[in-house]
Amino acid sequence: MRFLKYFREQVKIIRERDPAIHSDLEVLLYPSFWAVWNYRKAHKHYLKGHYFKARKISQRSARKTGIEIHPGAVIGEGFFIDHGTGVIIGETSVIGKNVTLYQGVTLGGTGKETGKRHPTIGDNVMISAGAKVLGSFTVGENSKIGAGSVVIREVPPNCTVVGVPGQIVKQEDIKIPREDLDQVDLPDPLREDINILQKENTALVNRIIELEKEVKSVLKVDSNKGSGI
């Protein structure tokens, strides 16, 4: 009965977030479906102190699905991993409700911490393909992490982060809809900085040209005076 309930929940989640699905039964072919199901089982053993059994379940699942979720992680409802290969979720990670991850995402530590070593991900967060979130900080609710970004510091709610290292782009506190899974049309602060520098460089070049003309004009006047004209 529990499996049937889980199946129905996953059908709803996947149909909401993945346009590639055409039938409910296809859910059974998603690596995410089995990875999360096995995580739920392993997590129960972990909470009871059955650490070896919990890790045995999780490692077997990782080999079959390509998704490694430590049984100690805390994951809320509505969690979905699209494709999933290469996803790693560390032991002290905390993931809120309705979070979406894509392939190659890592929720890891920096190697220098003890205790809470992994990130806390707020509700309705989307982390795009290949992104790495490293450290024991919080990614605020309704935020987006761009593909390939490396996030190493706190992210406020309702923000977008892009780049290496990740740069925060404010969204003016406007909540990002949960169904907005666009990984492409994200702000690019580096490109914005380059555009500003290009404009400033053009202005400087134009000013130098003007000054050169003024100097030539002054030299011409002085030359005329010297010749008695």
C-alpha atoms as a PDB file:
ATOM      1  CA  MET A   1       0.000   0.000   0.000  1.00  0.00           C
ATOM      2  CA  ARG A   2       2.876   2.339   0.784  1.00  0.00           C
ATOM      3  CA  PHE A   3       4.442   1.618  -2.602  1.00  0.00           C
ATOM      4  CA  LEU A   4       1.167   2.382  -4.395  1.00  0.00           C
ATOM      5  CA  LYS A   5       0.910   5.703  -2.582  1.00  0.00           C
ATOM      6  CA  TYR A   6       4.507   6.521  -3.494  1.00  0.00           C
ATOM      7  CA  PHE A   7       3.863   5.532  -7.117  1.00  0.00           C
ATOM      8  CA  ARG A   8       0.883   7.900  -7.357  1.00  0.00           C
ATOM      9  CA  GLU A   9       2.866  10.742  -5.791  1.00  0.00           C
ATOM     10  CA  GLN A  10       5.720  10.242  -8.254  1.00  0.00           C
ATOM     11  CA  VAL A  11       3.357  10.133 -11.224  1.00  0.00           C
ATOM     12  CA  LYS A  12       1.981  13.518 -10.207  1.00  0.00           C
ATOM     13  CA  ILE A  13       5.445  15.002  -9.632  1.00  0.00           C
ATOM     14  CA  ILE A  14       7.004  13.697 -12.836  1.00  0.00           C
ATOM     15  CA  ARG A  15       4.032  14.623 -15.040  1.00  0.00           C
ATOM     16  CA  GLU A  16       4.227  18.130 -13.594  1.00  0.00           C
ATOM     17  CA  ARG A  17       7.950  18.598 -14.283  1.00  0.00           C
ATOM     18  CA  ASP A  18       8.942  16.381 -17.204  1.00  0.00           C
ATOM     19  CA  PRO A  19       7.203  16.806 -20.586  1.00  0.00           C
ATOM     20  CA  ALA A  20       8.939  13.655 -21.875  1.00  0.00           C
ATOM     21  CA  ILE A  21       6.627  11.302 -19.978  1.00  0.00           C
ATOM     22  CA  HIS A  22       3.703   9.834 -21.969  1.00  0.00           C
ATOM     23  CA  SER A  23       2.200   7.252 -19.624  1.00  0.00           C
ATOM     24  CA  ASP A  24       2.016   6.636 -15.890  1.00  0.00           C
ATOM     25  CA  LEU A  25       3.860   3.315 -16.159  1.00  0.00           C
ATOM     26  CA  GLU A  26       6.928   5.093 -17.544  1.00  0.00           C
ATOM     27  CA  VAL A  27       7.510   6.395 -14.018  1.00  0.00           C
ATOM     28  CA  LEU A  28       8.822   2.908 -13.176  1.00  0.00           C
ATOM     29  CA  LEU A  29      11.616   3.432 -15.712  1.00  0.00           C
ATOM     30  CA  TYR A  30      12.913   6.619 -14.106  1.00  0.00           C
ATOM     31  CA  PRO A  31      16.139   6.160 -12.068  1.00  0.00           C
ATOM     32  CA  SER A  32      14.881   8.899  -9.737  1.00  0.00           C
ATOM     33  CA  PHE A  33      11.806   6.831  -8.883  1.00  0.00           C
ATOM     34  CA  TRP A  34      13.853   3.939  -7.548  1.00  0.00           C
ATOM     35  CA  ALA A  35      16.625   6.068  -6.055  1.00  0.00           C
ATOM     36  CA  VAL A  36      14.181   8.024  -3.895  1.00  0.00           C
ATOM     37  CA  TRP A  37      12.177   4.911  -2.990  1.00  0.00           C
ATOM     38  CA  ASN A  38      15.360   3.145  -1.839  1.00  0.00           C
ATOM     39  CA  TYR A  39      16.483   6.275   0.005  1.00  0.00           C
ATOM     40  CA  ARG A  40      13.205   6.326   1.971  1.00  0.00           C
ATOM     41  CA  LYS A  41      13.783   2.724   3.043  1.00  0.00           C
ATOM     42  CA  ALA A  42      17.444   3.299   3.895  1.00  0.00           C
ATOM     43  CA  HIS A  43      16.654   6.476   5.831  1.00  0.00           C
ATOM     44  CA  LYS A  44      14.323   4.576   8.168  1.00  0.00           C
ATOM     45  CA  HIS A  45      17.109   2.126   8.999  1.00  0.00           C
ATOM     46  CA  TYR A  46      19.537   5.021   9.462  1.00  0.00           C
ATOM     47  CA  LEU A  47      17.244   6.693  12.002  1.00  0.00           C
ATOM     48  CA  LYS A  48      17.085   3.413  13.945  1.00  0.00           C
ATOM     49  CA  GLY A  49      20.880   3.236  14.053  1.00  0.00           C
ATOM     50  CA  HIS A  50      21.108   0.389  11.529  1.00  0.00           C
ATOM     51  CA  TYR A  51      23.870   2.184   9.647  1.00  0.00           C
ATOM     52  CA  PHE A  52      25.368  -0.780   7.804  1.00  0.00           C
ATOM     53  CA  LYS A  53      22.011  -1.949   6.484  1.00  0.00           C
ATOM     54  CA  ALA A  54      21.111   1.617   5.500  1.00  0.00           C
ATOM     55  CA  ARG A  55      24.364   2.077   3.585  1.00  0.00           C
ATOM     56  CA  LYS A  56      24.005  -1.338   1.950  1.00  0.00           C
ATOM     57  CA  ILE A  57      20.609  -0.325   0.539  1.00  0.00           C
ATOM     58  CA  SER A  58      21.864   3.077  -0.616  1.00  0.00           C
ATOM     59  CA  GLN A  59      25.038   1.755  -2.248  1.00  0.00           C
ATOM     60  CA  ARG A  60      23.158  -0.974  -4.109  1.00  0.00           C
ATOM     61  CA  SER A  61      20.722   1.684  -5.326  1.00  0.00           C
ATOM     62  CA  ALA A  62      23.604   3.949  -6.391  1.00  0.00           C
ATOM     63  CA  ARG A  63      25.097   1.196  -8.535  1.00  0.00           C
ATOM     64  CA  LYS A  64      21.769   0.545 -10.254  1.00  0.00           C
ATOM     65  CA  THR A  65      20.562   4.142 -10.722  1.00  0.00           C
ATOM     66  CA  GLY A  66      23.718   6.281 -10.860  1.00  0.00           C
ATOM     67  CA  ILE A  67      22.231   8.418  -8.067  1.00  0.00           C
ATOM     68  CA  GLU A  68      23.975   8.369  -4.694  1.00  0.00           C
ATOM     69  CA  ILE A  69      21.844   9.563  -1.769  1.00  0.00           C
ATOM     70  CA  HIS A  70      23.308   9.077   1.681  1.00  0.00           C
ATOM     71  CA  PRO A  71      20.681   7.544   3.991  1.00  0.00           C
ATOM     72  CA  GLY A  72      21.380  10.226   6.591  1.00  0.00           C
ATOM     73  CA  ALA A  73      20.158  13.041   4.335  1.00  0.00           C
ATOM     74  CA  VAL A  74      16.760  14.581   5.101  1.00  0.00           C
ATOM     75  CA  ILE A  75      14.549  14.998   2.032  1.00  0.00           C
ATOM     76  CA  GLY A  76      11.089  16.546   1.934  1.00  0.00           C
ATOM     77  CA  GLU A  77       8.034  15.747  -0.161  1.00  0.00           C
ATOM     78  CA  GLY A  78       7.794  16.427  -3.879  1.00  0.00           C
ATOM     79  CA  PHE A  79      11.480  15.717  -4.531  1.00  0.00           C
ATOM     80  CA  PHE A  80      12.441  14.934  -8.152  1.00  0.00           C
ATOM     81  CA  ILE A  81      15.710  14.190  -9.942  1.00  0.00           C
ATOM     82  CA  ASP A  82      15.476  14.520 -13.726  1.00  0.00           C
ATOM     83  CA  HIS A  83      17.717  11.999 -15.547  1.00  0.00           C
ATOM     84  CA  GLY A  84      19.856  11.729 -12.424  1.00  0.00           C
ATOM     85  CA  THR A  85      23.156  10.176 -13.486  1.00  0.00           C
ATOM     86  CA  GLY A  86      25.995  11.481 -11.330  1.00  0.00           C
ATOM     87  CA  VAL A  87      23.825  13.071  -8.628  1.00  0.00           C
ATOM     88  CA  ILE A  88      25.411  12.930  -5.156  1.00  0.00           C
ATOM     89  CA  ILE A  89      23.660  13.983  -1.943  1.00  0.00           C
ATOM     90  CA  GLY A  90      25.770  14.034   1.219  1.00  0.00           C
ATOM     91  CA  GLU A  91      24.935  12.728   4.669  1.00  0.00           C
ATOM     92  CA  THR A  92      23.970  15.982   6.401  1.00  0.00           C
ATOM     93  CA  SER A  93      22.121  17.509   3.447  1.00  0.00           C
ATOM     94  CA  VAL A  94      18.644  18.827   4.194  1.00  0.00           C
ATOM     95  CA  ILE A  95      16.272  19.242   1.244  1.00  0.00           C
ATOM     96  CA  GLY A  96      12.917  21.001   1.513  1.00  0.00           C
ATOM     97  CA  LYS A  97       9.674  20.396  -0.348  1.00  0.00           C
ATOM     98  CA  ASN A  98       9.220  20.378  -4.130  1.00  0.00           C
ATOM     99  CA  VAL A  99      12.932  20.533  -4.960  1.00  0.00           C
ATOM    100  CA  THR A 100      14.156  19.571  -8.442  1.00  0.00           C
ATOM    101  CA  LEU A 101      17.695  18.423  -9.263  1.00  0.00           C
ATOM    102  CA  TYR A 102      19.179  17.602 -12.655  1.00  0.00           C
ATOM    103  CA  GLN A 103      21.963  15.245 -13.672  1.00  0.00           C
ATOM    104  CA  GLY A 104      25.432  15.750 -12.252  1.00  0.00           C
ATOM    105  CA  VAL A 105      24.351  17.815  -9.247  1.00  0.00           C
ATOM    106  CA  THR A 106      26.420  17.480  -6.077  1.00  0.00           C
ATOM    107  CA  LEU A 107      25.287  18.516  -2.613  1.00  0.00           C
ATOM    108  CA  GLY A 108      28.605  18.067  -0.875  1.00  0.00           C
ATOM    109  CA  GLY A 109      30.985  19.307   1.788  1.00  0.00           C
ATOM    110  CA  THR A 110      34.245  21.225   1.530  1.00  0.00           C
ATOM    111  CA  GLY A 111      36.297  18.620   3.371  1.00  0.00           C
ATOM    112  CA  LYS A 112      37.103  21.035   6.203  1.00  0.00           C
ATOM    113  CA  GLU A 113      33.952  20.805   8.283  1.00  0.00           C
ATOM    114  CA  THR A 114      32.614  18.542  10.992  1.00  0.00           C
ATOM    115  CA  GLY A 115      29.024  18.000  12.106  1.00  0.00           C
ATOM    116  CA  LYS A 116      26.702  19.679   9.601  1.00  0.00           C
ATOM    117  CA  ARG A 117      28.877  19.517   6.500  1.00  0.00           C
ATOM    118  CA  HIS A 118      26.394  19.703   3.627  1.00  0.00           C
ATOM    119  CA  PRO A 119      23.934  22.313   2.357  1.00  0.00           C
ATOM    120  CA  THR A 120      20.341  22.962   3.334  1.00  0.00           C
ATOM    121  CA  ILE A 121      18.103  23.452   0.290  1.00  0.00           C
ATOM    122  CA  GLY A 122      14.892  25.425   0.787  1.00  0.00           C
ATOM    123  CA  ASP A 123      11.459  24.690  -0.671  1.00  0.00           C
ATOM    124  CA  ASN A 124      10.830  25.027  -4.422  1.00  0.00           C
ATOM    125  CA  VAL A 125      14.520  25.240  -5.352  1.00  0.00           C
ATOM    126  CA  MET A 126      15.769  24.123  -8.776  1.00  0.00           C
ATOM    127  CA  ILE A 127      19.413  23.078  -9.205  1.00  0.00           C
ATOM    128  CA  SER A 128      20.431  22.718 -12.845  1.00  0.00           C
ATOM    129  CA  ALA A 129      22.669  20.147 -14.533  1.00  0.00           C
ATOM    130  CA  GLY A 130      26.226  19.852 -13.276  1.00  0.00           C
ATOM    131  CA  ALA A 131      25.883  22.382 -10.458  1.00  0.00           C
ATOM    132  CA  LYS A 132      27.881  21.864  -7.260  1.00  0.00           C
ATOM    133  CA  VAL A 133      26.644  23.181  -3.918  1.00  0.00           C
ATOM    134  CA  LEU A 134      29.422  22.729  -1.375  1.00  0.00           C
ATOM    135  CA  GLY A 135      29.306  23.535   2.334  1.00  0.00           C
ATOM    136  CA  SER A 136      26.988  23.843   5.320  1.00  0.00           C
ATOM    137  CA  PHE A 137      24.980  26.890   4.271  1.00  0.00           C
ATOM    138  CA  THR A 138      21.418  27.468   3.090  1.00  0.00           C
ATOM    139  CA  VAL A 139      20.046  27.960  -0.409  1.00  0.00           C
ATOM    140  CA  GLY A 140      16.895  29.996   0.175  1.00  0.00           C
ATOM    141  CA  GLU A 141      13.452  28.968  -1.011  1.00  0.00           C
ATOM    142  CA  ASN A 142      12.294  29.637  -4.579  1.00  0.00           C
ATOM    143  CA  SER A 143      15.871  30.011  -5.826  1.00  0.00           C
ATOM    144  CA  LYS A 144      17.549  28.702  -8.982  1.00  0.00           C
ATOM    145  CA  ILE A 145      21.102  27.446  -9.432  1.00  0.00           C
ATOM    146  CA  GLY A 146      22.308  27.681 -13.039  1.00  0.00           C
ATOM    147  CA  ALA A 147      23.904  24.784 -14.916  1.00  0.00           C
ATOM    148  CA  GLY A 148      27.554  24.179 -14.064  1.00  0.00           C
ATOM    149  CA  SER A 149      27.581  26.701 -11.214  1.00  0.00           C
ATOM    150  CA  VAL A 150      29.707  26.156  -8.117  1.00  0.00           C
ATOM    151  CA  VAL A 151      27.975  27.574  -5.047  1.00  0.00           C
ATOM    152  CA  ILE A 152      30.100  27.971  -1.904  1.00  0.00           C
ATOM    153  CA  ARG A 153      28.191  30.551   0.126  1.00  0.00           C
ATOM    154  CA  GLU A 154      24.679  31.365   1.362  1.00  0.00           C
ATOM    155  CA  VAL A 155      21.936  32.118  -1.173  1.00  0.00           C
ATOM    156  CA  PRO A 156      18.986  34.305  -0.072  1.00  0.00           C
ATOM    157  CA  PRO A 157      15.429  33.317  -1.043  1.00  0.00           C
ATOM    158  CA  ASN A 158      14.090  34.174  -4.513  1.00  0.00           C
ATOM    159  CA  CYS A 159      17.516  34.429  -6.160  1.00  0.00           C
ATOM    160  CA  THR A 160      19.327  33.024  -9.163  1.00  0.00           C
ATOM    161  CA  VAL A 161      22.955  31.927  -8.936  1.00  0.00           C
ATOM    162  CA  VAL A 162      25.210  31.447 -11.965  1.00  0.00           C
ATOM    163  CA  GLY A 163      28.917  31.036 -12.621  1.00  0.00           C
ATOM    164  CA  VAL A 164      32.096  29.701 -11.023  1.00  0.00           C
ATOM    165  CA  PRO A 165      32.211  30.618  -8.252  1.00  0.00           C
ATOM    166  CA  GLY A 166      28.461  31.217  -8.128  1.00  0.00           C
ATOM    167  CA  GLN A 167      27.322  34.821  -8.247  1.00  0.00           C
ATOM    168  CA  ILE A 168      23.975  35.825  -6.780  1.00  0.00           C
ATOM    169  CA  VAL A 169      21.543  37.663  -9.039  1.00  0.00           C
ATOM    170  CA  LYS A 170      18.651  39.219  -7.111  1.00  0.00           C
ATOM    171  CA  GLN A 171      15.139  38.591  -8.369  1.00  0.00           C
ATOM    172  CA  GLU A 172      13.625  41.559  -6.530  1.00  0.00           C
ATOM    173  CA  ASP A 173      11.983  39.202  -4.052  1.00  0.00           C
ATOM    174  CA  ILE A 174       9.591  37.933  -6.727  1.00  0.00           C
ATOM    175  CA  LYS A 175       8.695  34.312  -6.056  1.00  0.00           C
ATOM    176  CA  ILE A 176       9.715  31.990  -8.877  1.00  0.00           C
ATOM    177  CA  PRO A 177       6.804  29.690  -9.831  1.00  0.00           C
ATOM    178  CA  ARG A 178       7.419  26.012  -9.038  1.00  0.00           C
ATOM    179  CA  GLU A 179       6.615  25.013 -12.594  1.00  0.00           C
ATOM    180  CA  ASP A 180       9.295  27.361 -13.971  1.00  0.00           C
ATOM    181  CA  LEU A 181      12.079  24.867 -14.771  1.00  0.00           C
ATOM    182  CA  ASP A 182      13.880  26.990 -17.363  1.00  0.00           C
ATOM    183  CA  GLN A 183      17.624  26.298 -17.020  1.00  0.00           C
ATOM    184  CA  VAL A 184      18.683  28.444 -19.974  1.00  0.00           C
ATOM    185  CA  ASP A 185      17.260  31.963 -19.752  1.00  0.00           C
ATOM    186  CA  LEU A 186      19.067  32.938 -16.573  1.00  0.00           C
ATOM    187  CA  PRO A 187      20.776  36.271 -15.881  1.00  0.00           C
ATOM    188  CA  ASP A 188      24.511  36.402 -16.664  1.00  0.00           C
ATOM    189  CA  PRO A 189      26.305  38.893 -14.371  1.00  0.00           C
ATOM    190  CA  LEU A 190      29.655  38.246 -16.068  1.00  0.00           C
ATOM    191  CA  ARG A 191      28.227  39.209 -19.450  1.00  0.00           C
ATOM    192  CA  GLU A 192      26.642  42.294 -17.885  1.00  0.00           C
ATOM    193  CA  ASP A 193      30.037  43.322 -16.436  1.00  0.00           C
ATOM    194  CA  ILE A 194      31.700  42.795 -19.824  1.00  0.00           C
ATOM    195  CA  ASN A 195      29.034  44.945 -21.530  1.00  0.00           C
ATOM    196  CA  ILE A 196      29.621  47.751 -19.006  1.00  0.00           C
ATOM    197  CA  LEU A 197      33.397  47.562 -19.555  1.00  0.00           C
ATOM    198  CA  GLN A 198      32.912  47.666 -23.332  1.00  0.00           C
ATOM    199  CA  LYS A 199      30.735  50.777 -23.048  1.00  0.00           C
ATOM    200  CA  GLU A 200      33.259  52.461 -20.739  1.00  0.00           C
ATOM    201  CA  ASN A 201      36.127  51.540 -23.091  1.00  0.00           C
ATOM    202  CA  THR A 202      34.258  52.991 -26.074  1.00  0.00           C
ATOM    203  CA  ALA A 203      33.646  56.209 -24.132  1.00  0.00           C
ATOM    204  CA  LEU A 204      37.349  56.457 -23.231  1.00  0.00           C
ATOM    205  CA  VAL A 205      38.439  55.870 -26.836  1.00  0.00           C
ATOM    206  CA  ASN A 206      36.054  58.583 -28.060  1.00  0.00           C
ATOM    207  CA  ARG A 207      37.357  60.984 -25.413  1.00  0.00           C
ATOM    208  CA  ILE A 208      40.975  60.304 -26.463  1.00  0.00           C
ATOM    209  CA  ILE A 209      40.067  61.032 -30.095  1.00  0.00           C
ATOM    210  CA  GLU A 210      38.472  64.332 -29.020  1.00  0.00           C
ATOM    211  CA  LEU A 211      41.548  65.290 -26.974  1.00  0.00           C
ATOM    212  CA  GLU A 212      43.853  64.480 -29.888  1.00  0.00           C
ATOM    213  CA  LYS A 213      41.804  66.782 -32.109  1.00  0.00           C
ATOM    214  CA  GLU A 214      41.986  69.546 -29.488  1.00  0.00           C
ATOM    215  CA  VAL A 215      45.763  69.137 -29.175  1.00  0.00           C
ATOM    216  CA  LYS A 216      46.213  69.266 -32.943  1.00  0.00           C
ATOM    217  CA  SER A 217      44.058  72.392 -33.072  1.00  0.00           C
ATOM    218  CA  VAL A 218      46.133  74.130 -30.355  1.00  0.00           C
ATOM    219  CA  LEU A 219      49.425  73.144 -32.046  1.00  0.00           C
ATOM    220  CA  LYS A 220      48.162  74.498 -35.366  1.00  0.00           C
ATOM    221  CA  VAL A 221      47.248  77.864 -33.774  1.00  0.00           C
ATOM    222  CA  ASP A 222      50.668  78.097 -32.079  1.00  0.00           C
ATOM    223  CA  SER A 223      52.386  77.231 -35.367  1.00  0.00           C
ATOM    224  CA  ASN A 224      50.490  79.971 -37.196  1.00  0.00           C
ATOM    225  CA  LYS A 225      51.429  82.545 -34.536  1.00  0.00           C
ATOM    226  CA  GLY A 226      55.080  81.565 -34.725  1.00  0.00           C
ATOM    227  CA  SER A 227      55.136  82.066 -38.503  1.00  0.00           C
ATOM    228  CA  GLY A 228      53.558  85.512 -38.210  1.00  0.00           C
ATOM    229  CA  ILE A 229      50.380  84.556 -39.989  1.00  0.00           C
END
